[in-house]
Structures are given as structure tokens and as C-alpha cells.
Amino acid sequence: MNMKESCSAIEPVRDLRGIITVFNTPFDESGDIDEESLKRNVEYAVESGVVGILFPAMASEVYRLSVRERLEASRIIMDTLNGRAAFIGGCASYERAERLEMARLMLQMGCEGILVNIPYENECSYLGEVEDIAALDPGFLMIQDWDFRGYGIPVPLIKRLFESIEVFKCLKIEVVPAGKKYSEVIAATAGRLHISGGWAVMQMIEALDRGVHAFMPTGMHRIYTRIFDLYSSGDREGAKELFYRVLPVLAFSNQHLDISIHFFKRLLHRQGIYSTAIVREPLLPFDGVHEKIAIELMEYAVKLEAAIIQKH
């Protein structure tokens, strides 16, 4: 099934075909949530054409944020967004009861949808937790199929969940290998389950060829939306050419999640969107060589985005 066929078959979830950006958390000099930086990133994302914002997630340093901070930053994003794109509330926790409570709080705030990452132990417990979250009646439930060592949630279970739980409309796939699973899940759900690709979308062209509906990178909003728009308009070669141009940035930033957080916060700071590039420890160290390469790649990314703006 190609992308056009898959997109035409999918059950509508707002219009979540495109780029759903995952926000890094900006901190001010005192280490608190930086409200003005969040607002600037919302405007940058909306002007770039993203269809949604996900927060908080792993790229947001979610486990280093208190519940109060998660809710405070989410409120700022939602208020600034004001319905111009979808807001997906992340409900990360290591504990089942806390995931459920976080989902309740996010929905109470007015999130259109929520994302949960449920560790897979067995089908019975997994189905039970999804049913508990679905009972909260989110506008849509996005499940994060995340397994950096393996294949994640079994495809037959994904199909069963999709057929039995009405609010389960979206799946974010981040497994090894992702490409084959994209195709298997799309086939198993007849293209009606909304599929997103994560992990800094290193396989973006392959994923588009396989019919993936949306992508969840961090930063470089204009570049990613342009790649998606080119492909969607039928210009696969143009999309591929632009994607190839951004690969040096992805190769560096995708070494590890912590390196990605360090890099994209620096890029957002270089762009004047975040007031600082402060991260919360402990993250992997970012040494002098990292800094040198990051500076080169930040300038490269800024120039690439400027060329896109000038051309279009």
C-alpha cells in the first residue's frame, strides 16, 4: 500500500498527516521552565506548518520534570497553540497507576489526544491497561511502540487493540527494524490506523514509501515539513534530495537521545527561539569535540532552512 492509498483509507484524526514535532523543554538561567521560549517554539512550529505538537516525551527530558512542570509547560503550549495544530499530551511514567493518573490530568487540561508508552509484558496486562486508559475517553489515544532492542508490541495485538478499542487511533513506531513493522501494521489495519515514525526520522523516505502518515522529529520544523510536502505533492526526488541534505545533522544528533537533546537545544538557542541551551543532569556529557561539530552543523542547518524560506 502506498502513501496515497494509505492516507485515503485512514480514519480521520483531526488532520495528523505531516510533521508532529516533539518539543525539547527550555529552561531559563535559574533552571525553571522558560515560558517565553516555549511560546516562541510554538509560533515557529505553527508557521512552519506542523500538524501537531507532542509534549512531554523522552526528548523533553520528561523523567527530569515534575508533574507540576509537565502540566505547566503543557498549559503554556496549549494556550499559545490555541487550536492551530493538535496538542498530544505525553503520559510517561514507569508505573501503571501513574500513567493512568497522568492521562487523567492531561485530559482534564483539554488535550485532544494523549500518548502512552506501556511496557509489554504479556497480552493480558497490556490490553487491560489500554482499556483503563481508553475508559478516560480521550479524543484519541496514541500508543508508543518503543523498543530500541527489538520488535515491540506484537502485530496481532496491535490489530486486536485497533479493532476493539475505538479511541486507539494512532501508533508511534520506534522499533528494530521499523520499516518492516510500518508495512505489517498498515496491512493488518487496512491503512486505517494512523502510523507515526519517530527516532529523528532517520528512515523518512523509506517510511513515506511504506505509507507512514506522520513523523515526530525534534527541531528543524521547516525542513521536515518541506520534505513531507514535496513527497505528498508527488515530488519524491525533491523530497529525497532535501532529506539527503539533512542527513549529516541526523547522523550526529541521532548517536544517542542525550546527544540529540544537547544538539537541538543548542540549535533552538542559535535560532533565537530558546533563551538558553540548558539541560538537566544527568545527560551524557557533551565535550569540546561535540561542541565544535555541533556549531558547524547548526550553521549548516540554519543556512539550509534559510534557503528553503528564500525559495518558497
Protein backbone atom coordinates (compact mmCIF):
# COMPACT_ATOMS: atom_id res chain seq x y z
CA MET A 1 0.00 0.00 0.00
CA ASN A 2 1.50 3.33 -0.99
CA MET A 3 1.21 6.55 0.97
CA LYS A 4 -1.63 7.97 -1.11
CA GLU A 5 -3.74 4.82 -0.73
CA SER A 6 -3.00 4.60 2.99
CA CYS A 7 -3.84 8.24 3.64
CA SER A 8 -7.13 7.97 1.79
CA ALA A 9 -8.16 4.93 3.85
CA ILE A 10 -7.22 6.20 7.30
CA GLU A 11 -9.93 7.15 9.75
CA PRO A 12 -9.65 10.90 10.36
CA VAL A 13 -7.73 12.03 13.45
CA ARG A 14 -8.03 15.77 13.04
CA ASP A 15 -5.56 16.05 10.15
CA LEU A 16 -2.43 14.47 11.53
CA ARG A 17 -0.69 13.77 8.24
CA GLY A 18 2.64 15.56 8.28
CA ILE A 19 5.06 16.63 10.99
CA ILE A 20 4.19 16.28 14.68
CA THR A 21 7.09 17.92 16.44
CA VAL A 22 8.32 16.81 19.86
CA PHE A 23 9.36 19.79 21.98
CA ASN A 24 12.55 19.92 23.98
CA THR A 25 11.94 21.57 27.35
CA PRO A 26 13.51 25.05 27.55
CA PHE A 27 14.95 26.18 30.88
CA ASP A 28 15.88 29.70 31.90
CA GLU A 29 19.13 30.66 33.63
CA SER A 30 17.70 29.66 37.00
CA GLY A 31 16.76 26.21 35.70
CA ASP A 32 13.00 26.79 35.63
CA ILE A 33 10.63 26.24 32.69
CA ASP A 34 11.12 29.12 30.23
CA GLU A 35 7.62 30.23 29.25
CA GLU A 36 8.63 32.72 26.56
CA SER A 37 10.89 30.19 24.85
CA LEU A 38 8.05 27.67 24.74
CA LYS A 39 5.79 30.29 23.17
CA ARG A 40 8.40 31.16 20.54
CA ASN A 41 8.80 27.48 19.63
CA VAL A 42 5.03 27.11 19.26
CA GLU A 43 4.97 30.04 16.82
CA TYR A 44 7.97 28.70 14.91
CA ALA A 45 6.33 25.27 14.64
CA VAL A 46 2.94 26.61 13.53
CA GLU A 47 4.47 28.97 10.97
CA SER A 48 6.48 26.03 9.63
CA GLY A 49 3.33 24.02 9.02
CA VAL A 50 3.46 21.28 11.65
CA VAL A 51 0.18 19.45 12.22
CA GLY A 52 0.78 18.71 15.88
CA ILE A 53 2.98 19.09 18.95
CA LEU A 54 3.80 16.28 21.38
CA PHE A 55 4.87 17.15 24.92
CA PRO A 56 6.33 15.94 27.22
CA ALA A 57 8.21 12.98 25.77
CA MET A 58 11.67 11.47 26.06
CA ALA A 59 13.20 14.33 24.04
CA SER A 60 11.59 16.70 26.57
CA GLU A 61 13.67 15.19 29.42
CA VAL A 62 10.31 14.02 30.73
CA TYR A 63 11.67 11.98 33.62
CA ARG A 64 13.55 15.03 34.88
CA LEU A 65 10.37 17.11 35.02
CA SER A 66 7.99 17.14 37.98
CA VAL A 67 4.30 16.53 37.33
CA ARG A 68 3.68 20.21 38.06
CA GLU A 69 6.27 21.23 35.45
CA ARG A 70 4.84 18.86 32.85
CA LEU A 71 1.37 20.29 33.32
CA GLU A 72 2.57 23.89 33.49
CA ALA A 73 4.54 23.62 30.24
CA SER A 74 1.68 21.75 28.54
CA ARG A 75 -0.75 24.51 29.52
CA ILE A 76 1.58 27.16 28.07
CA ILE A 77 1.89 25.24 24.80
CA MET A 78 -1.85 24.62 24.52
CA ASP A 79 -2.77 28.23 25.33
CA THR A 80 -0.28 29.54 22.77
CA LEU A 81 -1.28 26.98 20.18
CA ASN A 82 -4.95 27.89 20.58
CA GLY A 83 -6.18 25.10 18.33
CA ARG A 84 -3.92 25.91 15.35
CA ALA A 85 -2.48 22.39 15.48
CA ALA A 86 -3.16 19.32 17.59
CA PHE A 87 -1.64 19.01 21.04
CA ILE A 88 -0.80 15.50 22.22
CA GLY A 89 -0.11 15.13 25.93
CA GLY A 90 2.62 12.70 26.89
CA CYS A 91 1.82 10.46 29.86
CA ALA A 92 5.19 8.90 30.60
CA SER A 93 5.80 7.01 33.82
CA TYR A 94 7.48 3.82 34.92
CA GLU A 95 4.37 2.87 36.92
CA ARG A 96 0.94 1.86 35.61
CA ALA A 97 -1.05 3.87 38.17
CA GLU A 98 1.00 6.99 37.45
CA ARG A 99 0.49 6.65 33.68
CA LEU A 100 -3.25 6.47 34.24
CA GLU A 101 -3.22 9.49 36.55
CA MET A 102 -1.08 11.48 34.12
CA ALA A 103 -3.52 10.66 31.33
CA ARG A 104 -6.41 11.84 33.51
CA LEU A 105 -4.63 15.12 34.31
CA MET A 106 -3.72 15.76 30.68
CA LEU A 107 -7.28 15.17 29.52
CA GLN A 108 -8.59 17.34 32.32
CA MET A 109 -6.46 20.15 30.86
CA GLY A 110 -8.13 19.73 27.47
CA CYS A 111 -5.61 17.73 25.42
CA GLU A 112 -7.03 16.50 22.11
CA GLY A 113 -5.14 13.26 22.44
CA ILE A 114 -2.66 11.50 24.69
CA LEU A 115 0.39 9.32 24.12
CA VAL A 116 1.28 6.42 26.39
CA ASN A 117 4.27 4.09 26.38
CA ILE A 118 3.22 0.88 28.11
CA PRO A 119 5.93 -1.75 28.73
CA TYR A 120 4.91 -5.00 27.05
CA GLU A 121 4.99 -7.98 29.41
CA ASN A 122 2.06 -10.05 28.22
CA GLU A 123 -1.08 -9.55 26.16
CA CYS A 124 -3.49 -9.70 29.09
CA SER A 125 -1.86 -6.96 31.18
CA TYR A 126 -1.23 -4.78 28.13
CA LEU A 127 -4.83 -4.99 26.96
CA GLY A 128 -6.06 -4.27 30.49
CA GLU A 129 -4.05 -1.07 30.80
CA VAL A 130 -5.08 0.18 27.37
CA GLU A 131 -8.72 -0.44 28.32
CA ASP A 132 -8.26 1.51 31.56
CA ILE A 133 -6.81 4.49 29.69
CA ALA A 134 -9.45 4.27 26.96
CA ALA A 135 -12.12 4.47 29.66
CA LEU A 136 -10.96 8.05 30.31
CA ASP A 137 -12.39 8.82 26.85
CA PRO A 138 -9.53 10.72 25.16
CA GLY A 139 -10.24 12.30 21.79
CA PHE A 140 -7.68 9.82 20.54
CA LEU A 141 -5.15 7.51 22.10
CA MET A 142 -1.67 7.24 20.58
CA ILE A 143 0.35 4.23 21.73
CA GLN A 144 4.13 4.46 21.58
CA ASP A 145 5.53 1.18 20.28
CA TRP A 146 9.05 1.75 21.55
CA ASP A 147 11.70 -0.95 21.72
CA PHE A 148 15.26 0.04 20.85
CA ARG A 149 16.40 -3.59 21.01
CA GLY A 150 13.53 -5.43 19.38
CA TYR A 151 10.21 -5.52 17.58
CA GLY A 152 7.97 -4.10 20.29
CA ILE A 153 4.25 -4.85 20.56
CA PRO A 154 3.18 -7.97 18.62
CA VAL A 155 1.34 -7.03 15.43
CA PRO A 156 -1.65 -9.33 16.17
CA LEU A 157 -2.14 -7.48 19.47
CA ILE A 158 -1.98 -4.11 17.72
CA LYS A 159 -4.67 -5.32 15.34
CA ARG A 160 -6.80 -6.60 18.22
CA LEU A 161 -6.49 -3.30 20.08
CA PHE A 162 -7.39 -1.32 16.98
CA GLU A 163 -10.47 -3.43 16.30
CA SER A 164 -11.73 -3.44 19.89
CA ILE A 165 -10.82 -0.01 21.32
CA GLU A 166 -12.42 2.87 19.47
CA VAL A 167 -10.19 5.66 20.77
CA PHE A 168 -6.98 3.84 19.77
CA LYS A 169 -6.40 5.66 16.51
CA CYS A 170 -2.64 6.29 16.40
CA LEU A 171 0.57 4.29 16.80
CA LYS A 172 4.06 5.72 17.05
CA ILE A 173 6.50 3.05 15.91
CA GLU A 174 10.11 3.10 17.17
CA VAL A 175 11.42 -0.46 16.94
CA VAL A 176 14.13 -2.53 15.24
CA PRO A 177 13.61 -2.73 12.30
CA ALA A 178 10.97 -0.02 11.97
CA GLY A 179 10.41 -0.24 8.21
CA LYS A 180 9.09 -3.79 8.10
CA LYS A 181 6.80 -3.12 11.03
CA TYR A 182 5.36 0.01 9.39
CA SER A 183 4.23 -2.14 6.48
CA GLU A 184 2.96 -5.00 8.62
CA VAL A 185 0.83 -2.76 10.83
CA ILE A 186 -0.56 -0.79 7.90
CA ALA A 187 -1.52 -4.05 6.19
CA ALA A 188 -3.00 -5.55 9.38
CA THR A 189 -5.24 -2.49 9.92
CA ALA A 190 -6.04 -1.88 6.23
CA GLY A 191 -4.33 1.51 6.44
CA ARG A 192 -6.91 2.82 8.92
CA LEU A 193 -4.59 3.06 11.95
CA HIS A 194 -2.61 6.31 11.92
CA ILE A 195 1.12 5.48 11.92
CA SER A 196 3.90 7.85 13.00
CA GLY A 197 7.64 7.36 12.74
CA GLY A 198 9.97 8.57 15.47
CA TRP A 199 13.69 8.30 16.29
CA ALA A 200 14.56 11.55 14.49
CA VAL A 201 13.03 10.02 11.32
CA MET A 202 16.26 8.57 10.02
CA GLN A 203 14.18 6.40 7.62
CA MET A 204 11.89 9.18 6.40
CA ILE A 205 11.91 8.42 2.66
CA GLU A 206 11.57 4.69 3.25
CA ALA A 207 8.74 5.38 5.71
CA LEU A 208 6.95 7.59 3.20
CA ASP A 209 7.30 4.89 0.57
CA ARG A 210 5.74 2.44 3.02
CA GLY A 211 2.74 4.70 3.67
CA VAL A 212 3.56 6.22 7.08
CA HIS A 213 1.25 9.14 7.83
CA ALA A 214 3.30 11.37 10.15
CA PHE A 215 6.76 11.90 11.61
CA MET A 216 7.92 13.05 15.03
CA PRO A 217 11.28 14.79 14.93
CA THR A 218 12.63 17.49 17.25
CA GLY A 219 13.51 20.87 15.76
CA MET A 220 14.19 21.86 12.14
CA HIS A 221 10.42 22.20 11.65
CA ARG A 222 10.60 23.95 8.28
CA ILE A 223 12.98 21.41 6.79
CA TYR A 224 10.89 18.42 7.82
CA THR A 225 7.59 19.94 6.71
CA ARG A 226 9.14 20.79 3.35
CA ILE A 227 10.34 17.20 2.84
CA PHE A 228 6.88 15.90 3.66
CA ASP A 229 5.14 18.44 1.42
CA LEU A 230 7.41 17.67 -1.52
CA TYR A 231 6.74 13.96 -1.22
CA SER A 232 2.99 14.48 -0.76
CA SER A 233 2.84 16.62 -3.90
CA GLY A 234 4.38 13.77 -5.92
CA ASP A 235 7.95 15.11 -5.97
CA ARG A 236 9.72 12.14 -4.44
CA GLU A 237 13.04 13.14 -5.98
CA GLY A 238 12.83 16.62 -4.48
CA ALA A 239 11.93 15.18 -1.08
CA LYS A 240 14.78 12.69 -1.31
CA GLU A 241 17.28 15.38 -2.29
CA LEU A 242 16.35 17.59 0.67
CA PHE A 243 16.35 14.63 3.05
CA TYR A 244 19.83 13.65 1.89
CA ARG A 245 21.00 17.19 2.61
CA VAL A 246 19.90 16.96 6.24
CA LEU A 247 21.48 13.55 6.88
CA PRO A 248 24.75 14.95 8.34
CA VAL A 249 22.71 16.58 11.11
CA LEU A 250 20.78 13.37 11.75
CA ALA A 251 23.91 11.23 11.75
CA PHE A 252 25.41 13.39 14.50
CA SER A 253 22.34 14.04 16.62
CA ASN A 254 20.98 10.51 16.42
CA GLN A 255 24.00 8.91 18.12
CA HIS A 256 22.01 8.89 21.35
CA LEU A 257 18.91 10.58 22.72
CA ASP A 258 21.02 12.69 25.07
CA ILE A 259 23.22 13.93 22.22
CA SER A 260 20.05 14.84 20.32
CA ILE A 261 18.74 16.84 23.29
CA HIS A 262 22.06 18.68 23.65
CA PHE A 263 22.21 19.44 19.93
CA PHE A 264 18.65 20.56 19.26
CA LYS A 265 18.55 22.77 22.32
CA ARG A 266 21.69 24.43 21.03
CA LEU A 267 20.15 24.80 17.59
CA LEU A 268 16.97 26.36 19.01
CA HIS A 269 19.16 28.71 21.04
CA ARG A 270 21.20 29.58 17.93
CA GLN A 271 17.94 30.37 16.11
CA GLY A 272 16.90 32.75 18.89
CA ILE A 273 13.94 30.57 19.89
CA TYR A 274 15.26 29.26 23.23
CA SER A 275 16.96 31.70 25.60
CA THR A 276 19.42 29.04 26.78
CA ALA A 277 20.60 25.56 25.81
CA ILE A 278 20.49 24.35 29.42
CA VAL A 279 19.78 20.66 30.03
CA ARG A 280 19.08 18.86 33.26
CA GLU A 281 21.68 16.44 34.50
CA PRO A 282 22.41 13.67 34.23
CA LEU A 283 22.66 13.53 30.46
CA LEU A 284 25.59 12.08 28.56
CA PRO A 285 28.44 14.61 28.51
CA PHE A 286 28.79 16.95 25.55
CA ASP A 287 32.50 17.62 25.20
CA GLY A 288 34.62 20.02 23.20
CA VAL A 289 34.62 17.93 20.04
CA HIS A 290 30.85 17.63 20.23
CA GLU A 291 30.63 21.40 20.59
CA LYS A 292 32.84 22.03 17.57
CA ILE A 293 30.86 19.72 15.31
CA ALA A 294 27.55 20.98 16.69
CA ILE A 295 28.48 24.56 15.82
CA GLU A 296 29.32 23.55 12.25
CA LEU A 297 26.09 21.59 11.88
CA MET A 298 23.97 24.33 13.45
CA GLU A 299 25.24 26.81 10.88
CA TYR A 300 24.59 24.27 8.15
CA ALA A 301 21.00 23.72 9.34
CA VAL A 302 20.32 27.46 9.65
CA LYS A 303 21.55 28.08 6.10
CA LEU A 304 19.55 25.14 4.75
CA GLU A 305 16.38 26.46 6.35
CA ALA A 306 17.07 29.97 5.08
CA ALA A 307 17.44 28.59 1.56
CA ILE A 308 14.03 26.88 1.88
CA ILE A 309 12.42 30.14 3.02
CA GLN A 310 14.03 32.12 0.21
CA LYS A 311 12.96 29.60 -2.41
CA HIS A 312 9.40 29.27 -1.21
